[in-house]
C-alpha atoms as a PDB file:
ATOM      1  CA  UNK A   1      92.713  11.778-170.508  1.00  0.00           C
ATOM      2  CA  UNK A   2      91.648  11.245-174.133  1.00  0.00           C
ATOM      3  CA  UNK A   3      93.942   8.214-174.386  1.00  0.00           C
ATOM      4  CA  UNK A   4      92.387   6.710-171.229  1.00  0.00           C
ATOM      5  CA  UNK A   5      88.861   7.158-172.647  1.00  0.00           C
ATOM      6  CA  UNK A   6      89.833   5.553-175.950  1.00  0.00           C
ATOM      7  CA  UNK A   7      91.517   2.551-174.298  1.00  0.00           C
ATOM      8  CA  UNK A   8      88.426   0.349-173.676  1.00  0.00           C
ATOM      9  CA  UNK A   9      87.057   1.030-177.158  1.00  0.00           C
ATOM     10  CA  UNK A  10      90.410   0.215-178.759  1.00  0.00           C
ATOM     11  CA  UNK A  11      90.756  -2.958-176.666  1.00  0.00           C
ATOM     12  CA  UNK A  12      87.313  -4.205-177.676  1.00  0.00           C
ATOM     13  CA  UNK A  13      88.010  -3.406-181.340  1.00  0.00           C
ATOM     14  CA  UNK A  14      91.288  -5.354-181.225  1.00  0.00           C
ATOM     15  CA  UNK A  15      89.605  -8.382-179.622  1.00  0.00           C
ATOM     16  CA  UNK A  16      86.842  -8.303-182.223  1.00  0.00           C
ATOM     17  CA  UNK A  17      89.349  -8.099-185.084  1.00  0.00           C
ATOM     18  CA  UNK A  18      91.329 -11.015-183.627  1.00  0.00           C
ATOM     19  CA  UNK A  19      88.172 -13.088-183.257  1.00  0.00           C
ATOM     20  CA  UNK A  20      87.181 -12.452-186.878  1.00  0.00           C
ATOM     21  CA  UNK A  21      90.638 -13.463-188.133  1.00  0.00           C
ATOM     22  CA  UNK A  22      90.723 -16.639-186.037  1.00  0.00           C
ATOM     23  CA  UNK A  23      87.174 -17.548-187.035  1.00  0.00           C
ATOM     24  CA  UNK A  24      87.905 -17.083-190.738  1.00  0.00           C
ATOM     25  CA  UNK A  25      91.009 -19.257-190.466  1.00  0.00           C
ATOM     26  CA  UNK A  26      89.774 -22.072-188.256  1.00  0.00           C
ATOM     27  CA  UNK A  27      85.997 -22.091-188.676  1.00  0.00           C
ATOM     28  CA  UNK A  28      84.622 -25.655-188.817  1.00  0.00           C
ATOM     29  CA  UNK A  29      82.865 -27.206-191.731  1.00  0.00           C
ATOM     30  CA  UNK A  30      79.069 -27.547-191.845  1.00  0.00           C
ATOM     31  CA  UNK A  31      79.163 -30.045-189.009  1.00  0.00           C
ATOM     32  CA  UNK A  32      81.485 -31.016-186.205  1.00  0.00           C
ATOM     33  CA  UNK A  33      82.237 -34.702-185.593  1.00  0.00           C
ATOM     34  CA  UNK A  34      79.234 -36.594-184.251  1.00  0.00           C
ATOM     35  CA  UNK A  35      81.065 -37.229-180.969  1.00  0.00           C
ATOM     36  CA  UNK A  36      81.277 -33.490-180.232  1.00  0.00           C
ATOM     37  CA  UNK A  37      78.210 -32.253-178.399  1.00  0.00           C
ATOM     38  CA  UNK A  38      78.607 -28.708-177.024  1.00  0.00           C
ATOM     39  CA  UNK A  39      75.629 -29.180-174.717  1.00  0.00           C
ATOM     40  CA  UNK A  40      77.397 -32.122-173.021  1.00  0.00           C
ATOM     41  CA  UNK A  41      80.548 -30.162-172.149  1.00  0.00           C
ATOM     42  CA  UNK A  42      81.555 -27.820-169.365  1.00  0.00           C
ATOM     43  CA  UNK A  43      82.748 -24.426-170.625  1.00  0.00           C
ATOM     44  CA  UNK A  44      85.003 -21.701-169.276  1.00  0.00           C
ATOM     45  CA  UNK A  45      84.303 -18.298-170.849  1.00  0.00           C
ATOM     46  CA  UNK A  46      86.579 -15.270-170.765  1.00  0.00           C
ATOM     47  CA  UNK A  47      84.692 -12.120-171.784  1.00  0.00           C
ATOM     48  CA  UNK A  48      85.173  -8.390-171.620  1.00  0.00           C
ATOM     49  CA  UNK A  49      83.312  -5.377-172.930  1.00  0.00           C
ATOM     50  CA  UNK A  50      82.238  -1.807-172.356  1.00  0.00           C
ATOM     51  CA  UNK A  51      79.058  -0.543-170.671  1.00  0.00           C
ATOM     52  CA  UNK A  52      77.574   2.941-170.985  1.00  0.00           C
ATOM     53  CA  UNK A  53      75.160   4.435-168.442  1.00  0.00           C
ATOM     54  CA  UNK A  54      71.558   4.314-169.681  1.00  0.00           C
ATOM     55  CA  UNK A  55      69.659   5.148-166.496  1.00  0.00           C
ATOM     56  CA  UNK A  56      69.467   4.874-162.728  1.00  0.00           C
ATOM     57  CA  UNK A  57      68.879   7.408-159.981  1.00  0.00           C
ATOM     58  CA  UNK A  58      72.372   8.933-160.135  1.00  0.00           C
ATOM     59  CA  UNK A  59      72.947  12.036-162.240  1.00  0.00           C
ATOM     60  CA  UNK A  60      76.631  11.216-162.693  1.00  0.00           C
ATOM     61  CA  UNK A  61      77.916   9.787-165.951  1.00  0.00           C
ATOM     62  CA  UNK A  62      79.337   6.251-165.908  1.00  0.00           C
ATOM     63  CA  UNK A  63      81.394   4.132-168.280  1.00  0.00           C
ATOM     64  CA  UNK A  64      82.576   0.685-167.154  1.00  0.00           C
ATOM     65  CA  UNK A  65      84.747  -2.149-168.461  1.00  0.00           C
ATOM     66  CA  UNK A  66      83.544  -5.578-167.226  1.00  0.00           C
ATOM     67  CA  UNK A  67      85.913  -8.565-167.364  1.00  0.00           C
ATOM     68  CA  UNK A  68      84.229 -11.904-166.627  1.00  0.00           C
ATOM     69  CA  UNK A  69      85.509 -15.421-166.026  1.00  0.00           C
ATOM     70  CA  UNK A  70      82.542 -17.787-166.277  1.00  0.00           C
ATOM     71  CA  UNK A  71      81.886 -21.485-165.754  1.00  0.00           C
ATOM     72  CA  UNK A  72      78.940 -23.049-167.605  1.00  0.00           C
ATOM     73  CA  UNK A  73      77.765 -26.552-166.765  1.00  0.00           C
ATOM     74  CA  UNK A  74      76.663 -29.230-169.217  1.00  0.00           C
ATOM     75  CA  UNK A  75      72.977 -29.315-170.152  1.00  0.00           C
ATOM     76  CA  UNK A  76      70.602 -29.360-167.186  1.00  0.00           C
ATOM     77  CA  UNK A  77      67.351 -29.162-169.158  1.00  0.00           C
ATOM     78  CA  UNK A  78      66.834 -29.573-172.884  1.00  0.00           C
ATOM     79  CA  UNK A  79      64.287 -29.654-175.675  1.00  0.00           C
ATOM     80  CA  UNK A  80      65.084 -31.417-178.965  1.00  0.00           C
ATOM     81  CA  UNK A  81      63.539 -30.356-182.279  1.00  0.00           C
ATOM     82  CA  UNK A  82      62.810 -32.536-185.313  1.00  0.00           C
ATOM     83  CA  UNK A  83      65.489 -30.795-187.416  1.00  0.00           C
ATOM     84  CA  UNK A  84      68.198 -31.760-184.912  1.00  0.00           C
ATOM     85  CA  UNK A  85      68.554 -28.353-183.267  1.00  0.00           C
ATOM     86  CA  UNK A  86      67.852 -27.986-179.567  1.00  0.00           C
ATOM     87  CA  UNK A  87      67.303 -25.540-176.712  1.00  0.00           C
ATOM     88  CA  UNK A  88      69.182 -26.171-173.478  1.00  0.00           C
ATOM     89  CA  UNK A  89      69.483 -24.610-170.044  1.00  0.00           C
ATOM     90  CA  UNK A  90      72.851 -24.646-168.216  1.00  0.00           C
ATOM     91  CA  UNK A  91      74.059 -23.373-164.865  1.00  0.00           C
ATOM     92  CA  UNK A  92      76.282 -20.295-165.100  1.00  0.00           C
ATOM     93  CA  UNK A  93      78.568 -18.759-162.433  1.00  0.00           C
ATOM     94  CA  UNK A  94      80.812 -15.747-163.100  1.00  0.00           C
ATOM     95  CA  UNK A  95      83.630 -13.900-161.377  1.00  0.00           C
ATOM     96  CA  UNK A  96      83.380 -10.221-162.296  1.00  0.00           C
ATOM     97  CA  UNK A  97      86.139  -7.627-162.212  1.00  0.00           C
ATOM     98  CA  UNK A  98      84.985  -4.237-163.420  1.00  0.00           C
ATOM     99  CA  UNK A  99      86.981  -1.072-164.053  1.00  0.00           C
ATOM    100  CA  UNK A 100      84.972   2.109-163.566  1.00  0.00           C
ATOM    101  CA  UNK A 101      86.477   4.148-166.408  1.00  0.00           C
ATOM    102  CA  UNK A 102      84.059   7.081-165.965  1.00  0.00           C
ATOM    103  CA  UNK A 103      82.577   7.759-162.528  1.00  0.00           C
ATOM    104  CA  UNK A 104      83.768   8.489-158.973  1.00  0.00           C
ATOM    105  CA  UNK A 105      84.590   4.858-158.107  1.00  0.00           C
ATOM    106  CA  UNK A 106      87.504   2.879-159.551  1.00  0.00           C
ATOM    107  CA  UNK A 107      86.662  -0.825-159.480  1.00  0.00           C
ATOM    108  CA  UNK A 108      84.060  -3.439-158.605  1.00  0.00           C
ATOM    109  CA  UNK A 109      84.591  -7.135-157.861  1.00  0.00           C
ATOM    110  CA  UNK A 110      81.690  -9.527-157.589  1.00  0.00           C
ATOM    111  CA  UNK A 111      79.981 -12.861-158.216  1.00  0.00           C
ATOM    112  CA  UNK A 112      77.073 -13.394-160.613  1.00  0.00           C
ATOM    113  CA  UNK A 113      74.882 -16.439-161.106  1.00  0.00           C
ATOM    114  CA  UNK A 114      72.268 -17.190-163.757  1.00  0.00           C
ATOM    115  CA  UNK A 115      70.851 -19.872-166.012  1.00  0.00           C
ATOM    116  CA  UNK A 116      72.293 -19.835-169.533  1.00  0.00           C
ATOM    117  CA  UNK A 117      69.577 -20.490-172.126  1.00  0.00           C
ATOM    118  CA  UNK A 118      71.025 -21.583-175.484  1.00  0.00           C
ATOM    119  CA  UNK A 119      69.608 -22.601-178.860  1.00  0.00           C
ATOM    120  CA  UNK A 120      72.050 -24.787-180.823  1.00  0.00           C
ATOM    121  CA  UNK A 121      71.902 -25.678-184.495  1.00  0.00           C
ATOM    122  CA  UNK A 122      71.874 -29.374-185.361  1.00  0.00           C
ATOM    123  CA  UNK A 123      75.580 -29.400-186.261  1.00  0.00           C
ATOM    124  CA  UNK A 124      76.584 -27.883-182.914  1.00  0.00           C
ATOM    125  CA  UNK A 125      78.591 -25.167-184.680  1.00  0.00           C
ATOM    126  CA  UNK A 126      76.779 -22.045-183.444  1.00  0.00           C
ATOM    127  CA  UNK A 127      74.216 -20.939-180.895  1.00  0.00           C
ATOM    128  CA  UNK A 128      72.110 -18.034-179.719  1.00  0.00           C
ATOM    129  CA  UNK A 129      72.261 -17.500-175.959  1.00  0.00           C
ATOM    130  CA  UNK A 130      70.581 -15.392-173.279  1.00  0.00           C
ATOM    131  CA  UNK A 131      70.404 -15.182-169.509  1.00  0.00           C
ATOM    132  CA  UNK A 132      69.119 -13.131-166.579  1.00  0.00           C
ATOM    133  CA  UNK A 133      70.651 -13.258-163.115  1.00  0.00           C
ATOM    134  CA  UNK A 134      72.490 -11.378-160.425  1.00  0.00           C
ATOM    135  CA  UNK A 135      74.770 -11.416-157.438  1.00  0.00           C
ATOM    136  CA  UNK A 136      76.785  -9.174-155.157  1.00  0.00           C
ATOM    137  CA  UNK A 137      80.234  -7.693-154.734  1.00  0.00           C
ATOM    138  CA  UNK A 138      82.432  -4.926-153.383  1.00  0.00           C
ATOM    139  CA  UNK A 139      82.944  -1.469-154.826  1.00  0.00           C
ATOM    140  CA  UNK A 140      85.420   1.197-153.699  1.00  0.00           C
ATOM    141  CA  UNK A 141      82.745   3.792-152.868  1.00  0.00           C
ATOM    142  CA  UNK A 142      84.109   7.324-152.564  1.00  0.00           C
ATOM    143  CA  UNK A 143      81.424   9.175-150.572  1.00  0.00           C
ATOM    144  CA  UNK A 144      80.685  11.431-153.547  1.00  0.00           C
ATOM    145  CA  UNK A 145      77.160  12.810-153.958  1.00  0.00           C
ATOM    146  CA  UNK A 146      75.483  10.778-156.673  1.00  0.00           C
ATOM    147  CA  UNK A 147      78.077   7.996-156.390  1.00  0.00           C
ATOM    148  CA  UNK A 148      77.372   4.565-154.973  1.00  0.00           C
ATOM    149  CA  UNK A 149      76.518   4.738-151.284  1.00  0.00           C
ATOM    150  CA  UNK A 150      78.567   1.871-149.839  1.00  0.00           C
ATOM    151  CA  UNK A 151      81.148  -0.753-150.743  1.00  0.00           C
ATOM    152  CA  UNK A 152      78.785  -3.752-150.630  1.00  0.00           C
ATOM    153  CA  UNK A 153      76.794  -3.538-153.844  1.00  0.00           C
ATOM    154  CA  UNK A 154      74.247  -5.826-155.470  1.00  0.00           C
ATOM    155  CA  UNK A 155      74.269  -6.504-159.199  1.00  0.00           C
ATOM    156  CA  UNK A 156      71.610  -7.622-161.657  1.00  0.00           C
ATOM    157  CA  UNK A 157      72.287  -8.368-165.296  1.00  0.00           C
ATOM    158  CA  UNK A 158      70.796  -9.633-168.546  1.00  0.00           C
ATOM    159  CA  UNK A 159      72.771 -10.741-171.564  1.00  0.00           C
ATOM    160  CA  UNK A 160      72.201 -12.119-175.060  1.00  0.00           C
ATOM    161  CA  UNK A 161      74.415 -12.957-178.010  1.00  0.00           C
ATOM    162  CA  UNK A 162      75.775 -15.437-180.517  1.00  0.00           C
ATOM    163  CA  UNK A 163      78.459 -18.103-180.032  1.00  0.00           C
ATOM    164  CA  UNK A 164      80.363 -19.563-183.016  1.00  0.00           C
ATOM    165  CA  UNK A 165      82.588 -22.655-182.846  1.00  0.00           C
ATOM    166  CA  UNK A 166      86.203 -22.269-183.987  1.00  0.00           C
ATOM    167  CA  UNK A 167      86.966 -25.948-183.438  1.00  0.00           C
ATOM    168  CA  UNK A 168      85.676 -28.840-181.330  1.00  0.00           C
ATOM    169  CA  UNK A 169      86.371 -27.146-177.997  1.00  0.00           C
ATOM    170  CA  UNK A 170      86.690 -23.399-178.654  1.00  0.00           C
ATOM    171  CA  UNK A 171      84.038 -20.789-179.382  1.00  0.00           C
ATOM    172  CA  UNK A 172      83.850 -17.056-180.044  1.00  0.00           C
ATOM    173  CA  UNK A 173      81.106 -15.146-178.187  1.00  0.00           C
ATOM    174  CA  UNK A 174      79.745 -11.718-179.137  1.00  0.00           C
ATOM    175  CA  UNK A 175      76.842 -10.191-177.261  1.00  0.00           C
ATOM    176  CA  UNK A 176      75.130  -7.395-175.412  1.00  0.00           C
ATOM    177  CA  UNK A 177      74.899  -6.920-171.646  1.00  0.00           C
ATOM    178  CA  UNK A 178      72.655  -4.865-169.351  1.00  0.00           C
ATOM    179  CA  UNK A 179      73.781  -4.283-165.769  1.00  0.00           C
ATOM    180  CA  UNK A 180      72.216  -2.677-162.704  1.00  0.00           C
ATOM    181  CA  UNK A 181      74.349  -1.797-159.670  1.00  0.00           C
ATOM    182  CA  UNK A 182      72.863  -0.585-156.390  1.00  0.00           C
ATOM    183  CA  UNK A 183      72.937  -1.326-152.673  1.00  0.00           C
ATOM    184  CA  UNK A 184      69.330  -2.472-152.352  1.00  0.00           C
ATOM    185  CA  UNK A 185      68.254   0.543-150.332  1.00  0.00           C
ATOM    186  CA  UNK A 186      70.889   0.137-147.612  1.00  0.00           C
ATOM    187  CA  UNK A 187      71.671   3.853-147.888  1.00  0.00           C
ATOM    188  CA  UNK A 188      69.384   6.830-148.497  1.00  0.00           C
ATOM    189  CA  UNK A 189      69.644   7.974-151.164  1.00  0.00           C
ATOM    190  CA  UNK A 190      70.422   4.757-153.055  1.00  0.00           C
ATOM    191  CA  UNK A 191      72.034   6.056-156.267  1.00  0.00           C
ATOM    192  CA  UNK A 192      71.890   2.972-158.468  1.00  0.00           C
ATOM    193  CA  UNK A 193      73.223   2.960-162.008  1.00  0.00           C
ATOM    194  CA  UNK A 194      71.963   1.118-165.102  1.00  0.00           C
ATOM    195  CA  UNK A 195      74.355   0.450-167.969  1.00  0.00           C
ATOM    196  CA  UNK A 196      74.217  -1.228-171.360  1.00  0.00           C
ATOM    197  CA  UNK A 197      76.953  -2.271-173.765  1.00  0.00           C
ATOM    198  CA  UNK A 198      78.734  -4.936-175.781  1.00  0.00           C
ATOM    199  CA  UNK A 199      80.864  -7.944-174.848  1.00  0.00           C
ATOM    200  CA  UNK A 200      83.192 -10.261-176.724  1.00  0.00           C
ATOM    201  CA  UNK A 201      85.005 -13.350-175.557  1.00  0.00           C
ATOM    202  CA  UNK A 202      86.331 -16.862-176.042  1.00  0.00           C
ATOM    203  CA  UNK A 203      85.039 -20.153-174.577  1.00  0.00           C
ATOM    204  CA  UNK A 204      86.898 -23.402-173.927  1.00  0.00           C
ATOM    205  CA  UNK A 205      85.034 -26.702-173.532  1.00  0.00           C
ATOM    206  CA  UNK A 206      86.131 -29.731-171.553  1.00  0.00           C
END
């Protein structure tokens, strides 16, 4: 049981260590080539993390491991600053697979959509990002008092973090994520759960 509880923490630590090593080895110079514009590219992000329960109407403890595969569009809206940096808004759509490491359920699969708001430095080598959105999915509810009341479950999330370019097309992402899961009042009681944690991932542009 102890080994199972340590697994997500160890996995995140290994990914973070790998990202630091890769970044130190392949980090770009002060500026990428002028032809490379991260805000003009599509991106596919692969991220995972760990979320701890921080609230909700359930009295049960929860710990969850989200794994997300995300598509981000090129810039939809943008604002350029005099120093060459800019703020952009992209579309974002994610497939979510989530292991319920602590709690009566076992897994959750869903879709999440949101705008991705990003500030980029003038060189296009790093950014600060944030987003708020939501979606829906299916959980293997267990009929346990205090657990989630049905399989169909809504999700709402907020995230923020930093992205750092490794090369012209690849980025490291480290951030925080808040998630709310509930069924929108379809059952009474509606034992929703709020969770907060960290995420880390890689992005590929094309």
